[in-house]
Structure formats: structure tokens, C-alpha cells
Amino acid sequence: QWNLAFEYGFTKNATIEVGYVGNHAIHQLDAADINPVPQAMWAGTAATPGYAFNASNNLRTFPGFGTLAWWNNVGSASYNALQVLGKYQVQKLQLQAAYTWGHSIGDVTQTNSNGGVGTWESYTFLSNPGFDRGNTAINRPQIFVANAVYYLPTLKGQNEALQAVAGGWEL
């Protein structure tokens, strides 16, 4: 994981922060079917009328056994993002706006680690994991968030119990 950020204060009450965030994950849990329909027969299998388990099962490497899961830790994924955060304070009100432009790419889904061999949790073709490289399920290319925080009175001068319970809240 790595990041780099720069912050600039326009005034005492206004700042902007621009940063880069990235990571690269290796040895991610993934699965593959070690009893696949051979790649040369994919087109014919997809075009088979009434395509179902039995329609493709006879074309598998080991006919009659269906899907055979093989779990391993060879998956990889990476994330890179540009993040911008602006803050502006007016007395007891703070306004914030953040924008992220990012990309999550990998050959594993990054949604779970259940070890299944379903549509989203496994490799399409075991001998070439790069065949499945693309956007992960958690890819969110653009995110914008804005909020406002209002600081309630701290109740200075009141008794300590009242200050501890009711003072200094934020809305």
C-alpha cells in the first residue's frame, strides 16, 4: 500500500488536500474448475440447444464428474485513486466535499472468499488467469461525498457533569 498527499491552506478556514492512494494485493484466494469443458469446445457448447449441466458435462475432461473445484492463492488485484478533499469552516459550521477518481482491477472478484466455483468466484480458464483480468466487483470509478458539521456549544462555565453529558456534540 502507498499514498502521497499534499494539503494547501487558502486561508485559515479553507483547505484543499489532493492525494494519490494505491495498493497491490497478491496471493488472493481464488478457485478454478479443474474439470472444464475444453476451450476449443466453448463456442459449440454455448450454442447447444437447451444448454444445461448435462449438455456440457459429456464434453468435460472427466465426463460425468461435473465441476471439480481447485482452490489456490494466486489471484492479484490493484487499486489506484486520485482523491481531492476540500474543507471550509465558518464559525461553528464546517463544510466538506470529497471526490475520488479510482480504478480497481484484478483477476479475482474481491467480493468474498467463500471458495466457490460459481460465475463470479472462479477463473474461467485455469491455465490463463489473465483471461479474467478486468474491473473488480468493488470498482467505483467516481465517488463524490459532501457533508456539513455543526459544532454545538461546549457548555463552558456549566457544571462538569452537564459538560460531560451534553457539551461539545456535533450535528
C-alpha atoms as a PDB file:
ATOM      1  CA  GLN A   1       0.000   0.000   0.000  1.00  0.00           C
ATOM      2  CA  TRP A   2       1.166   3.518  -0.682  1.00  0.00           C
ATOM      3  CA  ASN A   3      -0.137   7.049  -0.660  1.00  0.00           C
ATOM      4  CA  LEU A   4       1.049  10.584  -1.164  1.00  0.00           C
ATOM      5  CA  ALA A   5      -0.916  13.702  -0.219  1.00  0.00           C
ATOM      6  CA  PHE A   6      -0.480  17.457  -0.386  1.00  0.00           C
ATOM      7  CA  GLU A   7      -2.548  19.965   1.575  1.00  0.00           C
ATOM      8  CA  TYR A   8      -2.805  23.669   0.883  1.00  0.00           C
ATOM      9  CA  GLY A   9      -4.453  26.248   3.100  1.00  0.00           C
ATOM     10  CA  PHE A  10      -6.001  29.118   1.130  1.00  0.00           C
ATOM     11  CA  THR A  11      -6.985  30.898   4.318  1.00  0.00           C
ATOM     12  CA  LYS A  12      -7.170  29.991   7.996  1.00  0.00           C
ATOM     13  CA  ASN A  13     -10.612  28.480   7.324  1.00  0.00           C
ATOM     14  CA  ALA A  14     -10.244  26.914   3.848  1.00  0.00           C
ATOM     15  CA  THR A  15      -8.034  23.990   2.812  1.00  0.00           C
ATOM     16  CA  ILE A  16      -7.739  21.572  -0.063  1.00  0.00           C
ATOM     17  CA  GLU A  17      -5.997  18.213   0.010  1.00  0.00           C
ATOM     18  CA  VAL A  18      -5.004  16.266  -3.102  1.00  0.00           C
ATOM     19  CA  GLY A  19      -3.703  12.741  -2.777  1.00  0.00           C
ATOM     20  CA  TYR A  20      -2.841   9.553  -4.574  1.00  0.00           C
ATOM     21  CA  VAL A  21      -3.702   6.192  -2.987  1.00  0.00           C
ATOM     22  CA  GLY A  22      -2.708   2.802  -4.346  1.00  0.00           C
ATOM     23  CA  ASN A  23      -2.213  -0.815  -3.420  1.00  0.00           C
ATOM     24  CA  HIS A  24      -1.428  -4.143  -4.976  1.00  0.00           C
ATOM     25  CA  ALA A  25      -2.750  -7.363  -3.458  1.00  0.00           C
ATOM     26  CA  ILE A  26      -1.151 -10.711  -4.219  1.00  0.00           C
ATOM     27  CA  HIS A  27      -1.885 -14.275  -3.107  1.00  0.00           C
ATOM     28  CA  GLN A  28      -5.640 -13.634  -3.117  1.00  0.00           C
ATOM     29  CA  LEU A  29      -7.909 -16.659  -2.622  1.00  0.00           C
ATOM     30  CA  ASP A  30      -9.464 -17.864  -5.836  1.00  0.00           C
ATOM     31  CA  ALA A  31     -10.836 -21.045  -7.314  1.00  0.00           C
ATOM     32  CA  ALA A  32     -10.984 -22.780 -10.641  1.00  0.00           C
ATOM     33  CA  ASP A  33     -12.782 -25.735 -12.197  1.00  0.00           C
ATOM     34  CA  ILE A  34     -10.171 -28.427 -12.932  1.00  0.00           C
ATOM     35  CA  ASN A  35     -12.752 -30.351 -14.949  1.00  0.00           C
ATOM     36  CA  PRO A  36     -13.670 -27.739 -17.544  1.00  0.00           C
ATOM     37  CA  VAL A  37     -15.145 -28.034 -20.986  1.00  0.00           C
ATOM     38  CA  PRO A  38     -12.022 -27.700 -23.214  1.00  0.00           C
ATOM     39  CA  GLN A  39     -11.581 -24.207 -24.620  1.00  0.00           C
ATOM     40  CA  ALA A  40     -11.835 -25.470 -28.206  1.00  0.00           C
ATOM     41  CA  MET A  41     -15.433 -26.587 -27.469  1.00  0.00           C
ATOM     42  CA  TRP A  42     -16.671 -23.414 -25.758  1.00  0.00           C
ATOM     43  CA  ALA A  43     -18.401 -21.985 -28.820  1.00  0.00           C
ATOM     44  CA  GLY A  44     -20.159 -25.269 -29.616  1.00  0.00           C
ATOM     45  CA  THR A  45     -21.252 -25.752 -26.012  1.00  0.00           C
ATOM     46  CA  ALA A  46     -22.710 -22.251 -25.747  1.00  0.00           C
ATOM     47  CA  ALA A  47     -24.715 -22.843 -28.920  1.00  0.00           C
ATOM     48  CA  THR A  48     -26.075 -26.212 -27.739  1.00  0.00           C
ATOM     49  CA  PRO A  49     -29.912 -26.098 -27.638  1.00  0.00           C
ATOM     50  CA  GLY A  50     -31.145 -26.398 -24.054  1.00  0.00           C
ATOM     51  CA  TYR A  51     -27.647 -25.726 -22.671  1.00  0.00           C
ATOM     52  CA  ALA A  52     -27.532 -27.030 -19.116  1.00  0.00           C
ATOM     53  CA  PHE A  53     -25.314 -29.090 -16.844  1.00  0.00           C
ATOM     54  CA  ASN A  54     -25.966 -32.349 -18.718  1.00  0.00           C
ATOM     55  CA  ALA A  55     -25.460 -30.752 -22.140  1.00  0.00           C
ATOM     56  CA  SER A  56     -21.880 -29.761 -21.340  1.00  0.00           C
ATOM     57  CA  ASN A  57     -20.974 -32.473 -18.838  1.00  0.00           C
ATOM     58  CA  ASN A  58     -20.114 -35.034 -21.521  1.00  0.00           C
ATOM     59  CA  LEU A  59     -17.590 -32.609 -23.050  1.00  0.00           C
ATOM     60  CA  ARG A  60     -15.595 -32.163 -19.812  1.00  0.00           C
ATOM     61  CA  THR A  61     -12.084 -33.502 -19.288  1.00  0.00           C
ATOM     62  CA  PHE A  62     -13.506 -36.096 -16.860  1.00  0.00           C
ATOM     63  CA  PRO A  63     -17.062 -36.752 -18.137  1.00  0.00           C
ATOM     64  CA  GLY A  64     -19.688 -37.463 -15.521  1.00  0.00           C
ATOM     65  CA  PHE A  65     -17.981 -35.655 -12.643  1.00  0.00           C
ATOM     66  CA  GLY A  66     -19.226 -32.100 -13.257  1.00  0.00           C
ATOM     67  CA  THR A  67     -17.397 -29.187 -11.703  1.00  0.00           C
ATOM     68  CA  LEU A  68     -14.321 -30.014  -9.602  1.00  0.00           C
ATOM     69  CA  ALA A  69     -13.110 -27.060  -7.529  1.00  0.00           C
ATOM     70  CA  TRP A  70      -9.437 -26.282  -7.054  1.00  0.00           C
ATOM     71  CA  TRP A  71      -8.617 -23.557  -4.527  1.00  0.00           C
ATOM     72  CA  ASN A  72      -5.388 -21.642  -4.611  1.00  0.00           C
ATOM     73  CA  ASN A  73      -3.878 -18.295  -3.687  1.00  0.00           C
ATOM     74  CA  VAL A  74      -2.589 -16.928  -6.972  1.00  0.00           C
ATOM     75  CA  GLY A  75      -5.075 -14.101  -7.511  1.00  0.00           C
ATOM     76  CA  SER A  76      -3.983 -10.478  -7.705  1.00  0.00           C
ATOM     77  CA  ALA A  77      -5.660  -7.097  -7.756  1.00  0.00           C
ATOM     78  CA  SER A  78      -4.660  -3.445  -7.672  1.00  0.00           C
ATOM     79  CA  TYR A  79      -6.292  -0.144  -6.808  1.00  0.00           C
ATOM     80  CA  ASN A  80      -5.229   3.355  -7.803  1.00  0.00           C
ATOM     81  CA  ALA A  81      -7.053   6.576  -6.995  1.00  0.00           C
ATOM     82  CA  LEU A  82      -6.782  10.335  -7.079  1.00  0.00           C
ATOM     83  CA  GLN A  83      -8.557  11.895  -4.105  1.00  0.00           C
ATOM     84  CA  VAL A  84      -9.464  15.534  -3.514  1.00  0.00           C
ATOM     85  CA  LEU A  85     -10.847  16.874  -0.226  1.00  0.00           C
ATOM     86  CA  GLY A  86     -11.955  20.457   0.361  1.00  0.00           C
ATOM     87  CA  LYS A  87     -12.847  21.923   3.784  1.00  0.00           C
ATOM     88  CA  TYR A  88     -14.280  25.308   4.687  1.00  0.00           C
ATOM     89  CA  GLN A  89     -15.095  26.477   8.224  1.00  0.00           C
ATOM     90  CA  VAL A  90     -17.493  29.331   9.023  1.00  0.00           C
ATOM     91  CA  GLN A  91     -17.694  29.864  12.779  1.00  0.00           C
ATOM     92  CA  LYS A  92     -19.371  26.702  14.126  1.00  0.00           C
ATOM     93  CA  LEU A  93     -20.158  25.189  10.696  1.00  0.00           C
ATOM     94  CA  GLN A  94     -17.680  23.105   8.712  1.00  0.00           C
ATOM     95  CA  LEU A  95     -18.411  22.194   5.067  1.00  0.00           C
ATOM     96  CA  GLN A  96     -16.569  19.325   3.391  1.00  0.00           C
ATOM     97  CA  ALA A  97     -16.583  17.910  -0.129  1.00  0.00           C
ATOM     98  CA  ALA A  98     -14.568  14.917  -1.336  1.00  0.00           C
ATOM     99  CA  TYR A  99     -14.128  13.411  -4.779  1.00  0.00           C
ATOM    100  CA  THR A 100     -12.365  10.156  -5.679  1.00  0.00           C
ATOM    101  CA  TRP A 101     -11.446   9.039  -9.164  1.00  0.00           C
ATOM    102  CA  GLY A 102     -10.257   5.447  -8.859  1.00  0.00           C
ATOM    103  CA  HIS A 103      -9.892   2.076 -10.523  1.00  0.00           C
ATOM    104  CA  SER A 104      -9.914  -1.427  -9.015  1.00  0.00           C
ATOM    105  CA  ILE A 105      -8.685  -4.092 -11.404  1.00  0.00           C
ATOM    106  CA  GLY A 106      -7.823  -7.731 -10.833  1.00  0.00           C
ATOM    107  CA  ASP A 107      -8.222 -11.347 -11.814  1.00  0.00           C
ATOM    108  CA  VAL A 108     -10.297 -12.085  -8.690  1.00  0.00           C
ATOM    109  CA  THR A 109     -13.667 -10.547  -7.827  1.00  0.00           C
ATOM    110  CA  GLN A 110     -12.737  -9.019  -4.452  1.00  0.00           C
ATOM    111  CA  THR A 111     -16.279  -9.593  -3.151  1.00  0.00           C
ATOM    112  CA  ASN A 112     -15.751 -12.550  -0.853  1.00  0.00           C
ATOM    113  CA  SER A 113     -13.545 -15.530  -0.104  1.00  0.00           C
ATOM    114  CA  ASN A 114     -16.086 -18.336   0.056  1.00  0.00           C
ATOM    115  CA  GLY A 115     -14.020 -20.586  -2.206  1.00  0.00           C
ATOM    116  CA  GLY A 116     -16.921 -21.403  -4.511  1.00  0.00           C
ATOM    117  CA  VAL A 117     -16.667 -22.150  -8.194  1.00  0.00           C
ATOM    118  CA  GLY A 118     -19.592 -20.011  -9.260  1.00  0.00           C
ATOM    119  CA  THR A 119     -19.816 -17.480 -12.033  1.00  0.00           C
ATOM    120  CA  TRP A 120     -18.116 -14.696 -10.073  1.00  0.00           C
ATOM    121  CA  GLU A 121     -15.776 -16.539  -7.720  1.00  0.00           C
ATOM    122  CA  SER A 122     -13.653 -18.597 -10.101  1.00  0.00           C
ATOM    123  CA  TYR A 123     -11.384 -18.420 -13.096  1.00  0.00           C
ATOM    124  CA  THR A 124     -12.885 -19.079 -16.488  1.00  0.00           C
ATOM    125  CA  PHE A 125      -9.781 -20.855 -17.758  1.00  0.00           C
ATOM    126  CA  LEU A 126      -7.313 -22.207 -15.138  1.00  0.00           C
ATOM    127  CA  SER A 127      -4.199 -22.152 -17.317  1.00  0.00           C
ATOM    128  CA  ASN A 128      -4.651 -18.440 -18.073  1.00  0.00           C
ATOM    129  CA  PRO A 129      -5.809 -16.410 -15.023  1.00  0.00           C
ATOM    130  CA  GLY A 130      -5.182 -13.222 -17.019  1.00  0.00           C
ATOM    131  CA  PHE A 131      -8.197 -14.175 -19.134  1.00  0.00           C
ATOM    132  CA  ASP A 132     -10.377 -12.910 -16.239  1.00  0.00           C
ATOM    133  CA  ARG A 133      -8.420  -9.715 -15.530  1.00  0.00           C
ATOM    134  CA  GLY A 134     -10.655  -6.672 -15.526  1.00  0.00           C
ATOM    135  CA  ASN A 135     -12.679  -4.403 -13.258  1.00  0.00           C
ATOM    136  CA  THR A 136     -13.356  -5.996  -9.882  1.00  0.00           C
ATOM    137  CA  ALA A 137     -16.804  -6.051  -8.321  1.00  0.00           C
ATOM    138  CA  ILE A 138     -15.772  -3.276  -5.923  1.00  0.00           C
ATOM    139  CA  ASN A 139     -14.692  -0.901  -8.713  1.00  0.00           C
ATOM    140  CA  ARG A 140     -16.285   2.518  -8.207  1.00  0.00           C
ATOM    141  CA  PRO A 141     -14.681   4.868 -10.760  1.00  0.00           C
ATOM    142  CA  GLN A 142     -16.136   8.093  -9.366  1.00  0.00           C
ATOM    143  CA  ILE A 143     -17.326   8.910  -5.866  1.00  0.00           C
ATOM    144  CA  PHE A 144     -18.478  12.298  -4.592  1.00  0.00           C
ATOM    145  CA  VAL A 145     -19.388  12.970  -0.966  1.00  0.00           C
ATOM    146  CA  ALA A 146     -20.382  16.265   0.666  1.00  0.00           C
ATOM    147  CA  ASN A 147     -21.313  16.968   4.250  1.00  0.00           C
ATOM    148  CA  ALA A 148     -21.702  19.697   6.827  1.00  0.00           C
ATOM    149  CA  VAL A 149     -20.854  19.540  10.519  1.00  0.00           C
ATOM    150  CA  TYR A 150     -22.323  21.963  13.049  1.00  0.00           C
ATOM    151  CA  TYR A 151     -20.497  22.175  16.383  1.00  0.00           C
ATOM    152  CA  LEU A 152     -22.904  22.552  19.309  1.00  0.00           C
ATOM    153  CA  PRO A 153     -21.903  24.583  22.381  1.00  0.00           C
ATOM    154  CA  THR A 154     -19.336  23.074  24.770  1.00  0.00           C
ATOM    155  CA  LEU A 155     -21.252  24.490  27.773  1.00  0.00           C
ATOM    156  CA  LYS A 156     -18.170  26.076  29.333  1.00  0.00           C
ATOM    157  CA  GLY A 157     -18.974  27.528  32.732  1.00  0.00           C
ATOM    158  CA  GLN A 158     -21.606  24.864  33.463  1.00  0.00           C
ATOM    159  CA  ASN A 159     -21.047  22.080  36.000  1.00  0.00           C
ATOM    160  CA  GLU A 160     -18.692  19.275  34.883  1.00  0.00           C
ATOM    161  CA  ALA A 161     -21.371  16.573  34.723  1.00  0.00           C
ATOM    162  CA  LEU A 162     -23.527  18.671  32.359  1.00  0.00           C
ATOM    163  CA  GLN A 163     -20.472  19.468  30.190  1.00  0.00           C
ATOM    164  CA  ALA A 164     -19.524  15.771  30.005  1.00  0.00           C
ATOM    165  CA  VAL A 165     -23.012  14.627  29.015  1.00  0.00           C
ATOM    166  CA  ALA A 166     -24.399  17.444  26.877  1.00  0.00           C
ATOM    167  CA  GLY A 167     -21.451  19.600  25.861  1.00  0.00           C
ATOM    168  CA  GLY A 168     -19.395  19.504  22.683  1.00  0.00           C
ATOM    169  CA  TRP A 169     -21.725  17.470  20.474  1.00  0.00           C
ATOM    170  CA  GLU A 170     -21.591  17.720  16.691  1.00  0.00           C
ATOM    171  CA  LEU A 171     -24.573  17.694  14.370  1.00  0.00           C
END
